[in-house]
N, C-alpha and C. Protein backbone atom coordinates (compact mmCIF):
# COMPACT_ATOMS: atom_id res chain seq x y z
N UNK A 1 6.90 -7.83 24.22
CA UNK A 1 5.61 -8.07 24.34
C UNK A 1 5.16 -9.49 23.91
N UNK A 2 4.35 -10.13 24.66
CA UNK A 2 3.98 -11.45 24.31
C UNK A 2 2.72 -11.36 23.26
N UNK A 3 2.92 -12.08 22.15
CA UNK A 3 1.94 -12.06 21.13
C UNK A 3 1.05 -13.29 21.24
N UNK A 4 1.85 -14.47 21.42
CA UNK A 4 1.12 -15.74 21.56
C UNK A 4 1.33 -16.29 22.94
N UNK A 5 0.36 -16.22 23.73
CA UNK A 5 0.52 -16.57 25.21
C UNK A 5 0.46 -18.18 25.24
N UNK A 6 -0.17 -18.83 24.31
CA UNK A 6 -0.18 -20.28 24.31
C UNK A 6 1.20 -20.93 24.26
N UNK A 7 1.94 -20.25 23.40
CA UNK A 7 3.37 -20.71 23.22
C UNK A 7 4.42 -19.90 23.73
N UNK A 8 4.09 -18.79 24.27
CA UNK A 8 5.02 -17.83 24.92
C UNK A 8 5.95 -17.17 23.94
N UNK A 9 5.43 -16.79 22.77
CA UNK A 9 6.09 -16.14 21.62
C UNK A 9 6.03 -14.53 21.73
N UNK A 10 7.09 -13.89 21.65
CA UNK A 10 7.13 -12.52 21.70
C UNK A 10 7.19 -11.84 20.34
N UNK A 11 6.86 -10.55 20.25
CA UNK A 11 6.94 -9.80 19.01
C UNK A 11 8.43 -9.83 18.60
N UNK A 12 9.45 -9.76 19.53
CA UNK A 12 10.75 -9.73 19.21
C UNK A 12 11.20 -11.04 18.42
N UNK A 13 10.68 -12.20 18.90
CA UNK A 13 11.05 -13.36 18.31
C UNK A 13 10.37 -13.44 16.79
N UNK A 14 9.18 -12.96 16.66
CA UNK A 14 8.66 -12.90 15.33
C UNK A 14 9.50 -12.06 14.41
N UNK A 15 9.81 -10.84 14.88
CA UNK A 15 10.69 -9.97 14.18
C UNK A 15 11.99 -10.60 13.74
N UNK A 16 12.62 -11.24 14.69
CA UNK A 16 13.92 -11.89 14.33
C UNK A 16 13.73 -12.96 13.32
N UNK A 17 12.65 -13.70 13.37
CA UNK A 17 12.38 -14.88 12.37
C UNK A 17 12.17 -14.22 10.95
N UNK A 18 11.50 -13.03 11.00
CA UNK A 18 11.34 -12.33 9.70
C UNK A 18 12.72 -11.94 9.08
N UNK A 19 13.52 -11.44 9.96
CA UNK A 19 14.81 -10.92 9.65
C UNK A 19 15.75 -12.05 9.16
N UNK A 20 15.29 -13.32 9.62
CA UNK A 20 16.09 -14.52 9.22
C UNK A 20 15.57 -15.17 7.92
N UNK A 21 14.44 -14.54 7.31
CA UNK A 21 14.02 -14.96 6.00
C UNK A 21 12.71 -15.60 6.21
N UNK A 22 12.14 -15.75 7.27
CA UNK A 22 10.74 -16.42 7.38
C UNK A 22 9.71 -15.30 7.28
N UNK A 23 9.20 -15.14 6.04
CA UNK A 23 8.26 -14.00 5.70
C UNK A 23 6.83 -14.32 5.58
N UNK A 24 6.40 -15.56 5.93
CA UNK A 24 5.06 -15.88 5.71
C UNK A 24 4.54 -16.31 7.06
N UNK A 25 3.26 -16.30 7.31
CA UNK A 25 2.69 -16.88 8.36
C UNK A 25 3.01 -18.33 8.60
N UNK A 26 2.96 -19.09 7.53
CA UNK A 26 3.13 -20.51 7.66
C UNK A 26 4.59 -20.83 8.05
N UNK A 27 5.61 -19.97 7.60
CA UNK A 27 6.94 -20.27 7.96
C UNK A 27 7.21 -19.88 9.52
N UNK A 28 6.49 -18.71 9.91
CA UNK A 28 6.68 -18.34 11.27
C UNK A 28 5.85 -19.42 12.19
N UNK A 29 4.81 -19.99 11.73
CA UNK A 29 4.10 -21.03 12.53
C UNK A 29 5.04 -22.18 12.67
N UNK A 30 5.61 -22.63 11.66
CA UNK A 30 6.43 -23.69 11.61
C UNK A 30 7.71 -23.62 12.50
N UNK A 31 8.25 -22.40 12.51
CA UNK A 31 9.39 -22.09 13.34
C UNK A 31 9.18 -21.77 14.73
N UNK A 32 8.14 -21.03 15.11
CA UNK A 32 7.87 -20.65 16.43
C UNK A 32 6.60 -21.25 17.03
N UNK A 33 5.71 -22.00 16.19
CA UNK A 33 4.50 -22.59 16.69
C UNK A 33 3.56 -21.50 17.08
N UNK A 34 3.65 -20.38 16.60
CA UNK A 34 2.62 -19.29 16.92
C UNK A 34 1.38 -19.58 16.15
N UNK A 35 0.22 -19.13 16.72
CA UNK A 35 -1.07 -19.16 16.03
C UNK A 35 -1.48 -20.58 15.62
N UNK A 36 -1.18 -21.58 16.45
CA UNK A 36 -1.67 -22.95 16.23
C UNK A 36 -2.52 -23.51 17.28
N UNK A 37 -2.91 -22.82 18.30
CA UNK A 37 -3.78 -23.23 19.14
C UNK A 37 -5.09 -22.55 19.27
N UNK A 38 -5.17 -21.43 19.93
CA UNK A 38 -6.51 -20.75 20.05
C UNK A 38 -6.73 -19.92 18.78
N UNK A 39 -5.57 -19.30 18.16
CA UNK A 39 -5.71 -18.55 17.03
C UNK A 39 -5.78 -17.08 17.31
N UNK A 40 -5.96 -16.67 18.58
CA UNK A 40 -6.17 -15.29 18.99
C UNK A 40 -4.95 -14.43 18.43
N UNK A 41 -3.77 -14.96 18.30
CA UNK A 41 -2.74 -14.15 17.96
C UNK A 41 -2.41 -14.08 16.50
N UNK A 42 -3.22 -14.69 15.66
CA UNK A 42 -2.96 -14.72 14.18
C UNK A 42 -2.90 -13.47 13.57
N UNK A 43 -3.82 -12.57 13.88
CA UNK A 43 -3.93 -11.27 13.23
C UNK A 43 -2.68 -10.39 13.71
N UNK A 44 -2.23 -10.37 15.04
CA UNK A 44 -1.28 -9.77 15.57
C UNK A 44 0.13 -10.19 15.00
N UNK A 45 0.15 -11.45 14.68
CA UNK A 45 1.32 -12.15 14.05
C UNK A 45 1.47 -11.68 12.62
N UNK A 46 0.41 -11.53 11.86
CA UNK A 46 0.43 -11.17 10.37
C UNK A 46 0.78 -9.59 10.41
N UNK A 47 0.39 -8.84 11.33
CA UNK A 47 0.69 -7.41 11.46
C UNK A 47 2.14 -7.21 11.69
N UNK A 48 2.64 -7.97 12.58
CA UNK A 48 4.15 -7.85 12.80
C UNK A 48 4.95 -8.33 11.68
N UNK A 49 4.59 -9.36 11.00
CA UNK A 49 5.32 -9.78 9.85
C UNK A 49 5.36 -8.68 8.84
N UNK A 50 4.16 -8.15 8.52
CA UNK A 50 3.98 -7.08 7.49
C UNK A 50 4.82 -5.77 7.85
N UNK A 51 4.81 -5.39 9.04
CA UNK A 51 5.58 -4.25 9.57
C UNK A 51 7.01 -4.63 9.37
N UNK A 52 7.43 -5.66 9.81
CA UNK A 52 8.95 -6.00 9.57
C UNK A 52 9.35 -6.03 8.15
N UNK A 53 8.57 -6.58 7.33
CA UNK A 53 8.80 -6.72 5.91
C UNK A 53 8.94 -5.33 5.35
N UNK A 54 8.05 -4.47 5.65
CA UNK A 54 8.07 -2.98 5.19
C UNK A 54 9.34 -2.27 5.73
N UNK A 55 9.58 -2.54 6.92
CA UNK A 55 10.83 -1.92 7.44
C UNK A 55 11.99 -2.36 6.77
N UNK A 56 12.14 -3.65 6.43
CA UNK A 56 13.25 -4.23 5.75
C UNK A 56 13.32 -3.51 4.36
N UNK A 57 12.18 -3.42 3.68
CA UNK A 57 12.21 -2.89 2.37
C UNK A 57 12.56 -1.45 2.34
N UNK A 58 12.11 -0.66 3.31
CA UNK A 58 12.69 0.70 3.52
C UNK A 58 14.14 0.87 3.73
N UNK A 59 14.71 -0.15 4.39
CA UNK A 59 16.11 -0.08 4.68
C UNK A 59 16.85 -0.47 3.42
N UNK A 60 16.26 -1.30 2.59
CA UNK A 60 16.96 -1.61 1.43
C UNK A 60 16.80 -0.52 0.36
N UNK A 61 15.77 0.19 0.33
CA UNK A 61 15.71 1.32 -0.45
C UNK A 61 16.60 2.49 -0.14
N UNK A 62 16.88 2.60 1.11
CA UNK A 62 17.87 3.60 1.65
C UNK A 62 19.16 3.26 1.29
N UNK A 63 19.55 2.02 1.32
CA UNK A 63 20.87 1.67 0.96
C UNK A 63 21.10 1.64 -0.55
N UNK A 64 20.16 1.43 -1.34
CA UNK A 64 20.23 1.53 -2.81
C UNK A 64 20.54 2.96 -3.19
N UNK A 65 19.77 3.94 -2.62
CA UNK A 65 20.03 5.30 -2.90
C UNK A 65 21.42 5.88 -2.39
N UNK A 66 21.69 5.38 -1.27
CA UNK A 66 23.03 5.91 -0.73
C UNK A 66 24.26 5.27 -1.47
């Protein structure tokens, strides 16, 4: 799904960037140029970043227990 129409950035690209270690909006903006024009995608981008970080944390907890 496209999150940033201005730059053609998808949620998958944002999730991949988070998995590569870019965990702040500023880092994602620098890497993908998302949320730099009209700004309508800023909140959605933050939500995706937060969701992906939570997912990674849950996976890490799972592997620590196992």
